[in-house]
Amino acid sequence: TLTVTQGRASFDSVTRVLLWDIGKIDPTKLPGCKGSIALQ
């Protein structure tokens, strides 16, 4: 479960791949991604 300050983030539960598409980086406001991980 993810919260990002820039771009889009998604998690594919089949392939287990987390993808964070940020785009262009603004040096004055660095992109961040925080979240929790659920385990079996």
PDB file of all heavy atoms in Angstrom:
ATOM      1  N   THR A   1       0.864  -1.182   0.000  1.00  0.00           N
ATOM      2  CA  THR A   1       0.000   0.000   0.000  1.00  0.00           C
ATOM      3  C   THR A   1       0.899   1.230   0.000  1.00  0.00           C
ATOM      4  O   THR A   1       1.649   1.459   0.953  1.00  0.00           O
ATOM      5  CB  THR A   1      -0.905   0.006   1.246  1.00  0.00           C
ATOM      6  OG1 THR A   1      -1.602  -1.247   1.312  1.00  0.00           O
ATOM      7  CG2 THR A   1      -1.919   1.124   1.171  1.00  0.00           C
ATOM      8  N   LEU A   2       0.828   2.008  -1.086  1.00  0.00           N
ATOM      9  CA  LEU A   2       1.840   3.036  -1.321  1.00  0.00           C
ATOM     10  C   LEU A   2       1.246   4.439  -1.399  1.00  0.00           C
ATOM     11  O   LEU A   2       0.145   4.635  -1.915  1.00  0.00           O
ATOM     12  CB  LEU A   2       2.588   2.744  -2.633  1.00  0.00           C
ATOM     13  CG  LEU A   2       3.207   1.346  -2.747  1.00  0.00           C
ATOM     14  CD1 LEU A   2       3.592   1.044  -4.172  1.00  0.00           C
ATOM     15  CD2 LEU A   2       4.418   1.236  -1.841  1.00  0.00           C
ATOM     16  N   THR A   3       2.008   5.415  -0.909  1.00  0.00           N
ATOM     17  CA  THR A   3       1.680   6.824  -1.069  1.00  0.00           C
ATOM     18  C   THR A   3       2.898   7.522  -1.668  1.00  0.00           C
ATOM     19  O   THR A   3       4.001   7.405  -1.121  1.00  0.00           O
ATOM     20  CB  THR A   3       1.343   7.480   0.288  1.00  0.00           C
ATOM     21  OG1 THR A   3       0.281   6.743   0.905  1.00  0.00           O
ATOM     22  CG2 THR A   3       0.899   8.918   0.101  1.00  0.00           C
ATOM     23  N   VAL A   4       2.710   8.215  -2.801  1.00  0.00           N
ATOM     24  CA  VAL A   4       3.840   8.873  -3.469  1.00  0.00           C
ATOM     25  C   VAL A   4       3.608  10.380  -3.521  1.00  0.00           C
ATOM     26  O   VAL A   4       2.476  10.856  -3.569  1.00  0.00           O
ATOM     27  CB  VAL A   4       4.045   8.327  -4.906  1.00  0.00           C
ATOM     28  CG1 VAL A   4       4.417   6.862  -4.880  1.00  0.00           C
ATOM     29  CG2 VAL A   4       2.810   8.537  -5.774  1.00  0.00           C
ATOM     30  N   THR A   5       4.721  11.135  -3.502  1.00  0.00           N
ATOM     31  CA  THR A   5       4.628  12.595  -3.606  1.00  0.00           C
ATOM     32  C   THR A   5       4.680  13.044  -5.062  1.00  0.00           C
ATOM     33  O   THR A   5       4.403  14.202  -5.358  1.00  0.00           O
ATOM     34  CB  THR A   5       5.769  13.270  -2.840  1.00  0.00           C
ATOM     35  OG1 THR A   5       7.024  12.838  -3.394  1.00  0.00           O
ATOM     36  CG2 THR A   5       5.718  12.910  -1.366  1.00  0.00           C
ATOM     37  N   GLN A   6       5.048  12.119  -5.955  1.00  0.00           N
ATOM     38  CA  GLN A   6       5.116  12.453  -7.384  1.00  0.00           C
ATOM     39  C   GLN A   6       4.963  11.182  -8.216  1.00  0.00           C
ATOM     40  O   GLN A   6       5.455  10.125  -7.845  1.00  0.00           O
ATOM     41  CB  GLN A   6       6.461  13.122  -7.703  1.00  0.00           C
ATOM     42  CG  GLN A   6       6.587  13.592  -9.147  1.00  0.00           C
ATOM     43  CD  GLN A   6       7.957  14.209  -9.421  1.00  0.00           C
ATOM     44  OE1 GLN A   6       8.541  14.844  -8.552  1.00  0.00           O
ATOM     45  NE2 GLN A   6       8.472  14.036 -10.614  1.00  0.00           N
ATOM     46  N   GLY A   7       4.276  11.301  -9.351  1.00  0.00           N
ATOM     47  CA  GLY A   7       4.136  10.171 -10.266  1.00  0.00           C
ATOM     48  C   GLY A   7       3.054   9.192  -9.844  1.00  0.00           C
ATOM     49  O   GLY A   7       2.148   9.519  -9.071  1.00  0.00           O
ATOM     50  N   ARG A   8       3.194   7.952 -10.338  1.00  0.00           N
ATOM     51  CA  ARG A   8       2.212   6.897 -10.047  1.00  0.00           C
ATOM     52  C   ARG A   8       2.950   5.646  -9.599  1.00  0.00           C
ATOM     53  O   ARG A   8       3.970   5.281 -10.188  1.00  0.00           O
ATOM     54  CB  ARG A   8       1.390   6.554 -11.302  1.00  0.00           C
ATOM     55  CG  ARG A   8       0.526   7.683 -11.827  1.00  0.00           C
ATOM     56  CD  ARG A   8      -0.349   7.224 -12.998  1.00  0.00           C
ATOM     57  NE  ARG A   8       0.403   6.495 -14.003  1.00  0.00           N
ATOM     58  CZ  ARG A   8       1.090   7.092 -14.976  1.00  0.00           C
ATOM     59  NH1 ARG A   8       1.140   8.409 -15.051  1.00  0.00           N
ATOM     60  NH2 ARG A   8       1.739   6.367 -15.877  1.00  0.00           N
ATOM     61  N   ALA A   9       2.406   4.981  -8.582  1.00  0.00           N
ATOM     62  CA  ALA A   9       2.991   3.725  -8.096  1.00  0.00           C
ATOM     63  C   ALA A   9       1.934   2.636  -8.109  1.00  0.00           C
ATOM     64  O   ALA A   9       0.765   2.890  -7.808  1.00  0.00           O
ATOM     65  CB  ALA A   9       3.547   3.895  -6.691  1.00  0.00           C
ATOM     66  N   SER A  10       2.353   1.427  -8.474  1.00  0.00           N
ATOM     67  CA  SER A  10       1.422   0.290  -8.504  1.00  0.00           C
ATOM     68  C   SER A  10       2.168  -0.979  -8.115  1.00  0.00           C
ATOM     69  O   SER A  10       3.388  -1.069  -8.262  1.00  0.00           O
ATOM     70  CB  SER A  10       0.806   0.132  -9.896  1.00  0.00           C
ATOM     71  OG  SER A  10       1.819  -0.128 -10.853  1.00  0.00           O
ATOM     72  N   PHE A  11       1.399  -1.953  -7.605  1.00  0.00           N
ATOM     73  CA  PHE A  11       1.973  -3.247  -7.250  1.00  0.00           C
ATOM     74  C   PHE A  11       1.160  -4.343  -7.916  1.00  0.00           C
ATOM     75  O   PHE A  11      -0.057  -4.394  -7.764  1.00  0.00           O
ATOM     76  CB  PHE A  11       1.987  -3.445  -5.729  1.00  0.00           C
ATOM     77  CG  PHE A  11       2.542  -4.779  -5.303  1.00  0.00           C
ATOM     78  CD1 PHE A  11       3.909  -5.022  -5.362  1.00  0.00           C
ATOM     79  CD2 PHE A  11       1.707  -5.798  -4.868  1.00  0.00           C
ATOM     80  CE1 PHE A  11       4.434  -6.250  -4.980  1.00  0.00           C
ATOM     81  CE2 PHE A  11       2.214  -7.029  -4.475  1.00  0.00           C
ATOM     82  CZ  PHE A  11       3.586  -7.254  -4.545  1.00  0.00           C
ATOM     83  N   ASP A  12       1.839  -5.189  -8.675  1.00  0.00           N
ATOM     84  CA  ASP A  12       1.182  -6.314  -9.346  1.00  0.00           C
ATOM     85  C   ASP A  12       1.308  -7.543  -8.448  1.00  0.00           C
ATOM     86  O   ASP A  12       2.403  -8.062  -8.246  1.00  0.00           O
ATOM     87  CB  ASP A  12       1.843  -6.575 -10.707  1.00  0.00           C
ATOM     88  CG  ASP A  12       1.077  -7.583 -11.544  1.00  0.00           C
ATOM     89  OD1 ASP A  12       0.554  -8.562 -10.976  1.00  0.00           O
ATOM     90  OD2 ASP A  12       1.009  -7.405 -12.784  1.00  0.00           O
ATOM     91  N   SER A  13       0.179  -8.011  -7.905  1.00  0.00           N
ATOM     92  CA  SER A  13       0.212  -9.115  -6.941  1.00  0.00           C
ATOM     93  C   SER A  13       0.539 -10.465  -7.588  1.00  0.00           C
ATOM     94  O   SER A  13       0.876 -11.415  -6.891  1.00  0.00           O
ATOM     95  CB  SER A  13      -1.128  -9.204  -6.207  1.00  0.00           C
ATOM     96  OG  SER A  13      -2.187  -9.350  -7.141  1.00  0.00           O
ATOM     97  N   VAL A  14       0.451 -10.527  -8.923  1.00  0.00           N
ATOM     98  CA  VAL A  14       0.779 -11.781  -9.624  1.00  0.00           C
ATOM     99  C   VAL A  14       2.292 -11.880  -9.847  1.00  0.00           C
ATOM    100  O   VAL A  14       2.928 -12.874  -9.497  1.00  0.00           O
ATOM    101  CB  VAL A  14       0.028 -11.877 -10.977  1.00  0.00           C
ATOM    102  CG1 VAL A  14       0.429 -13.150 -11.708  1.00  0.00           C
ATOM    103  CG2 VAL A  14      -1.476 -11.838 -10.746  1.00  0.00           C
ATOM    104  N   THR A  15       2.874 -10.831 -10.436  1.00  0.00           N
ATOM    105  CA  THR A  15       4.315 -10.851 -10.732  1.00  0.00           C
ATOM    106  C   THR A  15       5.160 -10.385  -9.551  1.00  0.00           C
ATOM    107  O   THR A  15       6.382 -10.520  -9.562  1.00  0.00           O
ATOM    108  CB  THR A  15       4.629  -9.954 -11.946  1.00  0.00           C
ATOM    109  OG1 THR A  15       4.227  -8.604 -11.629  1.00  0.00           O
ATOM    110  CG2 THR A  15       3.885 -10.421 -13.177  1.00  0.00           C
ATOM    111  N   ARG A  16       4.510  -9.811  -8.502  1.00  0.00           N
ATOM    112  CA  ARG A  16       5.186  -9.252  -7.321  1.00  0.00           C
ATOM    113  C   ARG A  16       6.089  -8.064  -7.683  1.00  0.00           C
ATOM    114  O   ARG A  16       7.070  -7.806  -6.996  1.00  0.00           O
ATOM    115  CB  ARG A  16       6.032 -10.307  -6.590  1.00  0.00           C
ATOM    116  CG  ARG A  16       5.303 -11.572  -6.182  1.00  0.00           C
ATOM    117  CD  ARG A  16       4.332 -11.321  -5.049  1.00  0.00           C
ATOM    118  NE  ARG A  16       4.009 -12.500  -4.293  1.00  0.00           N
ATOM    119  CZ  ARG A  16       3.093 -13.410  -4.652  1.00  0.00           C
ATOM    120  NH1 ARG A  16       2.450 -13.260  -5.786  1.00  0.00           N
ATOM    121  NH2 ARG A  16       2.827 -14.448  -3.888  1.00  0.00           N
ATOM    122  N   VAL A  17       5.746  -7.348  -8.754  1.00  0.00           N
ATOM    123  CA  VAL A  17       6.567  -6.219  -9.190  1.00  0.00           C
ATOM    124  C   VAL A  17       5.924  -4.903  -8.758  1.00  0.00           C
ATOM    125  O   VAL A  17       4.758  -4.645  -9.042  1.00  0.00           O
ATOM    126  CB  VAL A  17       6.764  -6.224 -10.728  1.00  0.00           C
ATOM    127  CG1 VAL A  17       7.434  -4.928 -11.194  1.00  0.00           C
ATOM    128  CG2 VAL A  17       7.600  -7.421 -11.153  1.00  0.00           C
ATOM    129  N   LEU A  18       6.720  -4.099  -8.052  1.00  0.00           N
ATOM    130  CA  LEU A  18       6.307  -2.749  -7.672  1.00  0.00           C
ATOM    131  C   LEU A  18       6.879  -1.781  -8.709  1.00  0.00           C
ATOM    132  O   LEU A  18       8.087  -1.795  -8.970  1.00  0.00           O
ATOM    133  CB  LEU A  18       6.841  -2.415  -6.283  1.00  0.00           C
ATOM    134  CG  LEU A  18       6.388  -1.114  -5.612  1.00  0.00           C
ATOM    135  CD1 LEU A  18       6.586  -1.238  -4.098  1.00  0.00           C
ATOM    136  CD2 LEU A  18       7.148   0.100  -6.107  1.00  0.00           C
ATOM    137  N   LEU A  19       6.023  -0.986  -9.317  1.00  0.00           N
ATOM    138  CA  LEU A  19       6.435  -0.055 -10.360  1.00  0.00           C
ATOM    139  C   LEU A  19       6.105   1.366  -9.920  1.00  0.00           C
ATOM    140  O   LEU A  19       4.971   1.666  -9.572  1.00  0.00           O
ATOM    141  CB  LEU A  19       5.711  -0.379 -11.675  1.00  0.00           C
ATOM    142  CG  LEU A  19       6.349   0.132 -12.968  1.00  0.00           C
ATOM    143  CD1 LEU A  19       7.683  -0.541 -13.217  1.00  0.00           C
ATOM    144  CD2 LEU A  19       5.407  -0.122 -14.145  1.00  0.00           C
ATOM    145  N   TRP A  20       7.116   2.227  -9.926  1.00  0.00           N
ATOM    146  CA  TRP A  20       6.923   3.642  -9.576  1.00  0.00           C
ATOM    147  C   TRP A  20       7.388   4.495 -10.748  1.00  0.00           C
ATOM    148  O   TRP A  20       8.588   4.595 -11.005  1.00  0.00           O
ATOM    149  CB  TRP A  20       7.691   3.976  -8.306  1.00  0.00           C
ATOM    150  CG  TRP A  20       7.544   5.402  -7.836  1.00  0.00           C
ATOM    151  CD1 TRP A  20       6.565   6.297  -8.181  1.00  0.00           C
ATOM    152  CD2 TRP A  20       8.412   6.091  -6.924  1.00  0.00           C
ATOM    153  NE1 TRP A  20       6.769   7.495  -7.548  1.00  0.00           N
ATOM    154  CE2 TRP A  20       7.895   7.397  -6.760  1.00  0.00           C
ATOM    155  CE3 TRP A  20       9.566   5.729  -6.232  1.00  0.00           C
ATOM    156  CZ2 TRP A  20       8.506   8.348  -5.949  1.00  0.00           C
ATOM    157  CZ3 TRP A  20      10.171   6.673  -5.413  1.00  0.00           C
ATOM    158  CH2 TRP A  20       9.641   7.960  -5.272  1.00  0.00           C
ATOM    159  N   ASP A  21       6.442   5.060 -11.476  1.00  0.00           N
ATOM    160  CA  ASP A  21       6.734   5.900 -12.634  1.00  0.00           C
ATOM    161  C   ASP A  21       6.767   7.358 -12.169  1.00  0.00           C
ATOM    162  O   ASP A  21       5.727   7.952 -11.901  1.00  0.00           O
ATOM    163  CB  ASP A  21       5.659   5.690 -13.712  1.00  0.00           C
ATOM    164  CG  ASP A  21       6.022   6.359 -15.034  1.00  0.00           C
ATOM    165  OD1 ASP A  21       6.875   7.265 -15.022  1.00  0.00           O
ATOM    166  OD2 ASP A  21       5.449   5.979 -16.073  1.00  0.00           O
ATOM    167  N   ILE A  22       7.958   7.928 -12.070  1.00  0.00           N
ATOM    168  CA  ILE A  22       8.128   9.267 -11.492  1.00  0.00           C
ATOM    169  C   ILE A  22       8.046  10.359 -12.555  1.00  0.00           C
ATOM    170  O   ILE A  22       7.444  11.402 -12.358  1.00  0.00           O
ATOM    171  CB  ILE A  22       9.483   9.361 -10.752  1.00  0.00           C
ATOM    172  CG1 ILE A  22       9.514   8.372  -9.583  1.00  0.00           C
ATOM    173  CG2 ILE A  22       9.736  10.782 -10.254  1.00  0.00           C
ATOM    174  CD1 ILE A  22      10.872   8.206  -8.950  1.00  0.00           C
ATOM    175  N   GLY A  23       8.679  10.121 -13.700  1.00  0.00           N
ATOM    176  CA  GLY A  23       8.741  11.160 -14.729  1.00  0.00           C
ATOM    177  C   GLY A  23       9.946  12.051 -14.520  1.00  0.00           C
ATOM    178  O   GLY A  23      11.060  11.582 -14.301  1.00  0.00           O
ATOM    179  N   LYS A  24       9.735  13.375 -14.517  1.00  0.00           N
ATOM    180  CA  LYS A  24      10.837  14.342 -14.390  1.00  0.00           C
ATOM    181  C   LYS A  24      11.062  14.687 -12.925  1.00  0.00           C
ATOM    182  O   LYS A  24      10.112  14.870 -12.171  1.00  0.00           O
ATOM    183  CB  LYS A  24      10.480  15.608 -15.186  1.00  0.00           C
ATOM    184  CG  LYS A  24      11.596  16.637 -15.277  1.00  0.00           C
ATOM    185  CD  LYS A  24      11.117  17.924 -15.932  1.00  0.00           C
ATOM    186  CE  LYS A  24      10.754  17.714 -17.384  1.00  0.00           C
ATOM    187  NZ  LYS A  24      10.431  19.007 -18.058  1.00  0.00           N
ATOM    188  N   ILE A  25      12.338  14.765 -12.511  1.00  0.00           N
ATOM    189  CA  ILE A  25      12.658  15.080 -11.118  1.00  0.00           C
ATOM    190  C   ILE A  25      12.853  16.583 -10.952  1.00  0.00           C
ATOM    191  O   ILE A  25      13.643  17.201 -11.661  1.00  0.00           O
ATOM    192  CB  ILE A  25      13.931  14.341 -10.655  1.00  0.00           C
ATOM    193  CG1 ILE A  25      13.669  12.832 -10.568  1.00  0.00           C
ATOM    194  CG2 ILE A  25      14.397  14.859  -9.299  1.00  0.00           C
ATOM    195  CD1 ILE A  25      14.840  12.030 -10.087  1.00  0.00           C
ATOM    196  N   ASP A  26      12.128  17.153  -9.990  1.00  0.00           N
ATOM    197  CA  ASP A  26      12.317  18.546  -9.608  1.00  0.00           C
ATOM    198  C   ASP A  26      13.290  18.568  -8.424  1.00  0.00           C
ATOM    199  O   ASP A  26      12.963  18.074  -7.345  1.00  0.00           O
ATOM    200  CB  ASP A  26      10.969  19.163  -9.203  1.00  0.00           C
ATOM    201  CG  ASP A  26      11.094  20.613  -8.755  1.00  0.00           C
ATOM    202  OD1 ASP A  26      12.224  21.153  -8.775  1.00  0.00           O
ATOM    203  OD2 ASP A  26      10.073  21.208  -8.376  1.00  0.00           O
ATOM    204  N   PRO A  27      14.522  19.125  -8.622  1.00  0.00           N
ATOM    205  CA  PRO A  27      15.533  19.077  -7.549  1.00  0.00           C
ATOM    206  C   PRO A  27      15.108  19.798  -6.268  1.00  0.00           C
ATOM    207  O   PRO A  27      15.616  19.513  -5.188  1.00  0.00           O
ATOM    208  CB  PRO A  27      16.753  19.791  -8.166  1.00  0.00           C
ATOM    209  CG  PRO A  27      16.501  19.824  -9.634  1.00  0.00           C
ATOM    210  CD  PRO A  27      15.024  19.824  -9.822  1.00  0.00           C
ATOM    211  N   THR A  28      14.148  20.736  -6.358  1.00  0.00           N
ATOM    212  CA  THR A  28      13.716  21.473  -5.166  1.00  0.00           C
ATOM    213  C   THR A  28      12.717  20.676  -4.325  1.00  0.00           C
ATOM    214  O   THR A  28      12.496  20.994  -3.166  1.00  0.00           O
ATOM    215  CB  THR A  28      13.066  22.812  -5.568  1.00  0.00           C
ATOM    216  OG1 THR A  28      11.905  22.554  -6.377  1.00  0.00           O
ATOM    217  CG2 THR A  28      14.036  23.684  -6.346  1.00  0.00           C
ATOM    218  N   LYS A  29      12.115  19.641  -4.918  1.00  0.00           N
ATOM    219  CA  LYS A  29      11.142  18.828  -4.186  1.00  0.00           C
ATOM    220  C   LYS A  29      11.317  17.379  -4.634  1.00  0.00           C
ATOM    221  O   LYS A  29      10.725  16.932  -5.615  1.00  0.00           O
ATOM    222  CB  LYS A  29       9.727  19.315  -4.482  1.00  0.00           C
ATOM    223  CG  LYS A  29       8.664  18.659  -3.621  1.00  0.00           C
ATOM    224  CD  LYS A  29       7.278  19.129  -4.033  1.00  0.00           C
ATOM    225  CE  LYS A  29       6.205  18.389  -3.239  1.00  0.00           C
ATOM    226  NZ  LYS A  29       4.851  18.675  -3.728  1.00  0.00           N
ATOM    227  N   LEU A  30      12.160  16.640  -3.917  1.00  0.00           N
ATOM    228  CA  LEU A  30      12.522  15.285  -4.338  1.00  0.00           C
ATOM    229  C   LEU A  30      11.340  14.324  -4.180  1.00  0.00           C
ATOM    230  O   LEU A  30      10.632  14.363  -3.181  1.00  0.00           O
ATOM    231  CB  LEU A  30      13.710  14.781  -3.523  1.00  0.00           C
ATOM    232  CG  LEU A  30      15.001  15.598  -3.655  1.00  0.00           C
ATOM    233  CD1 LEU A  30      16.104  14.997  -2.797  1.00  0.00           C
ATOM    234  CD2 LEU A  30      15.444  15.678  -5.106  1.00  0.00           C
ATOM    235  N   PRO A  31      11.115  13.465  -5.179  1.00  0.00           N
ATOM    236  CA  PRO A  31      10.009  12.506  -5.095  1.00  0.00           C
ATOM    237  C   PRO A  31      10.241  11.451  -4.018  1.00  0.00           C
ATOM    238  O   PRO A  31      11.357  10.959  -3.866  1.00  0.00           O
ATOM    239  CB  PRO A  31       9.982  11.875  -6.495  1.00  0.00           C
ATOM    240  CG  PRO A  31      11.251  12.237  -7.156  1.00  0.00           C
ATOM    241  CD  PRO A  31      11.828  13.408  -6.465  1.00  0.00           C
ATOM    242  N   GLY A  32       9.178  11.122  -3.298  1.00  0.00           N
ATOM    243  CA  GLY A  32       9.252  10.112  -2.252  1.00  0.00           C
ATOM    244  C   GLY A  32       8.125   9.105  -2.375  1.00  0.00           C
ATOM    245  O   GLY A  32       7.068   9.399  -2.937  1.00  0.00           O
ATOM    246  N   CYS A  33       8.373   7.913  -1.862  1.00  0.00           N
ATOM    247  CA  CYS A  33       7.361   6.850  -1.871  1.00  0.00           C
ATOM    248  C   CYS A  33       7.413   6.136  -0.526  1.00  0.00           C
ATOM    249  O   CYS A  33       8.460   5.618  -0.132  1.00  0.00           O
ATOM    250  CB  CYS A  33       7.646   5.875  -3.021  1.00  0.00           C
ATOM    251  SG  CYS A  33       6.547   4.434  -3.075  1.00  0.00           S
ATOM    252  N   LYS A  34       6.275   6.146   0.201  1.00  0.00           N
ATOM    253  CA  LYS A  34       6.189   5.448   1.480  1.00  0.00           C
ATOM    254  C   LYS A  34       5.036   4.458   1.433  1.00  0.00           C
ATOM    255  O   LYS A  34       4.078   4.659   0.694  1.00  0.00           O
ATOM    256  CB  LYS A  34       5.953   6.445   2.615  1.00  0.00           C
ATOM    257  CG  LYS A  34       7.145   7.311   2.950  1.00  0.00           C
ATOM    258  CD  LYS A  34       6.852   8.163   4.179  1.00  0.00           C
ATOM    259  CE  LYS A  34       8.096   8.975   4.542  1.00  0.00           C
ATOM    260  NZ  LYS A  34       7.900   9.773   5.769  1.00  0.00           N
ATOM    261  N   GLY A  35       5.148   3.415   2.227  1.00  0.00           N
ATOM    262  CA  GLY A  35       4.045   2.471   2.244  1.00  0.00           C
ATOM    263  C   GLY A  35       4.260   1.317   3.189  1.00  0.00           C
ATOM    264  O   GLY A  35       5.316   1.175   3.805  1.00  0.00           O
ATOM    265  N   SER A  36       3.221   0.497   3.291  1.00  0.00           N
ATOM    266  CA  SER A  36       3.287  -0.698   4.133  1.00  0.00           C
ATOM    267  C   SER A  36       3.268  -1.937   3.245  1.00  0.00           C
ATOM    268  O   SER A  36       2.743  -1.922   2.131  1.00  0.00           O
ATOM    269  CB  SER A  36       2.103  -0.726   5.101  1.00  0.00           C
ATOM    270  OG  SER A  36       0.886  -0.700   4.375  1.00  0.00           O
ATOM    271  N   ILE A  37       3.869  -3.008   3.749  1.00  0.00           N
ATOM    272  CA  ILE A  37       3.985  -4.262   3.004  1.00  0.00           C
ATOM    273  C   ILE A  37       3.233  -5.352   3.756  1.00  0.00           C
ATOM    274  O   ILE A  37       3.439  -5.544   4.961  1.00  0.00           O
ATOM    275  CB  ILE A  37       5.466  -4.660   2.840  1.00  0.00           C
ATOM    276  CG1 ILE A  37       6.259  -3.548   2.136  1.00  0.00           C
ATOM    277  CG2 ILE A  37       5.603  -5.969   2.066  1.00  0.00           C
ATOM    278  CD1 ILE A  37       7.768  -3.721   2.195  1.00  0.00           C
ATOM    279  N   ALA A  38       2.346  -6.048   3.043  1.00  0.00           N
ATOM    280  CA  ALA A  38       1.603  -7.169   3.645  1.00  0.00           C
ATOM    281  C   ALA A  38       2.260  -8.483   3.239  1.00  0.00           C
ATOM    282  O   ALA A  38       2.498  -8.726   2.050  1.00  0.00           O
ATOM    283  CB  ALA A  38       0.152  -7.144   3.176  1.00  0.00           C
ATOM    284  N   LEU A  39       2.571  -9.315   4.237  1.00  0.00           N
ATOM    285  CA  LEU A  39       3.193 -10.616   3.981  1.00  0.00           C
ATOM    286  C   LEU A  39       2.182 -11.743   4.190  1.00  0.00           C
ATOM    287  O   LEU A  39       1.200 -11.586   4.918  1.00  0.00           O
ATOM    288  CB  LEU A  39       4.376 -10.844   4.928  1.00  0.00           C
ATOM    289  CG  LEU A  39       5.617  -9.964   4.743  1.00  0.00           C
ATOM    290  CD1 LEU A  39       6.599 -10.225   5.875  1.00  0.00           C
ATOM    291  CD2 LEU A  39       6.279 -10.232   3.406  1.00  0.00           C
ATOM    292  N   GLN A  40       2.440 -12.882   3.551  1.00  0.00           N
ATOM    293  CA  GLN A  40       1.608 -14.068   3.779  1.00  0.00           C
ATOM    294  C   GLN A  40       1.752 -14.499   5.239  1.00  0.00           C
ATOM    295  O   GLN A  40       2.848 -14.475   5.796  1.00  0.00           O
ATOM    296  CB  GLN A  40       2.070 -15.212   2.867  1.00  0.00           C
ATOM    297  CG  GLN A  40       1.790 -14.980   1.392  1.00  0.00           C
ATOM    298  CD  GLN A  40       2.394 -16.073   0.525  1.00  0.00           C
ATOM    299  OE1 GLN A  40       3.023 -16.995   1.029  1.00  0.00           O
ATOM    300  NE2 GLN A  40       2.212 -15.952  -0.779  1.00  0.00           N
TER     301      GLN A  40
END
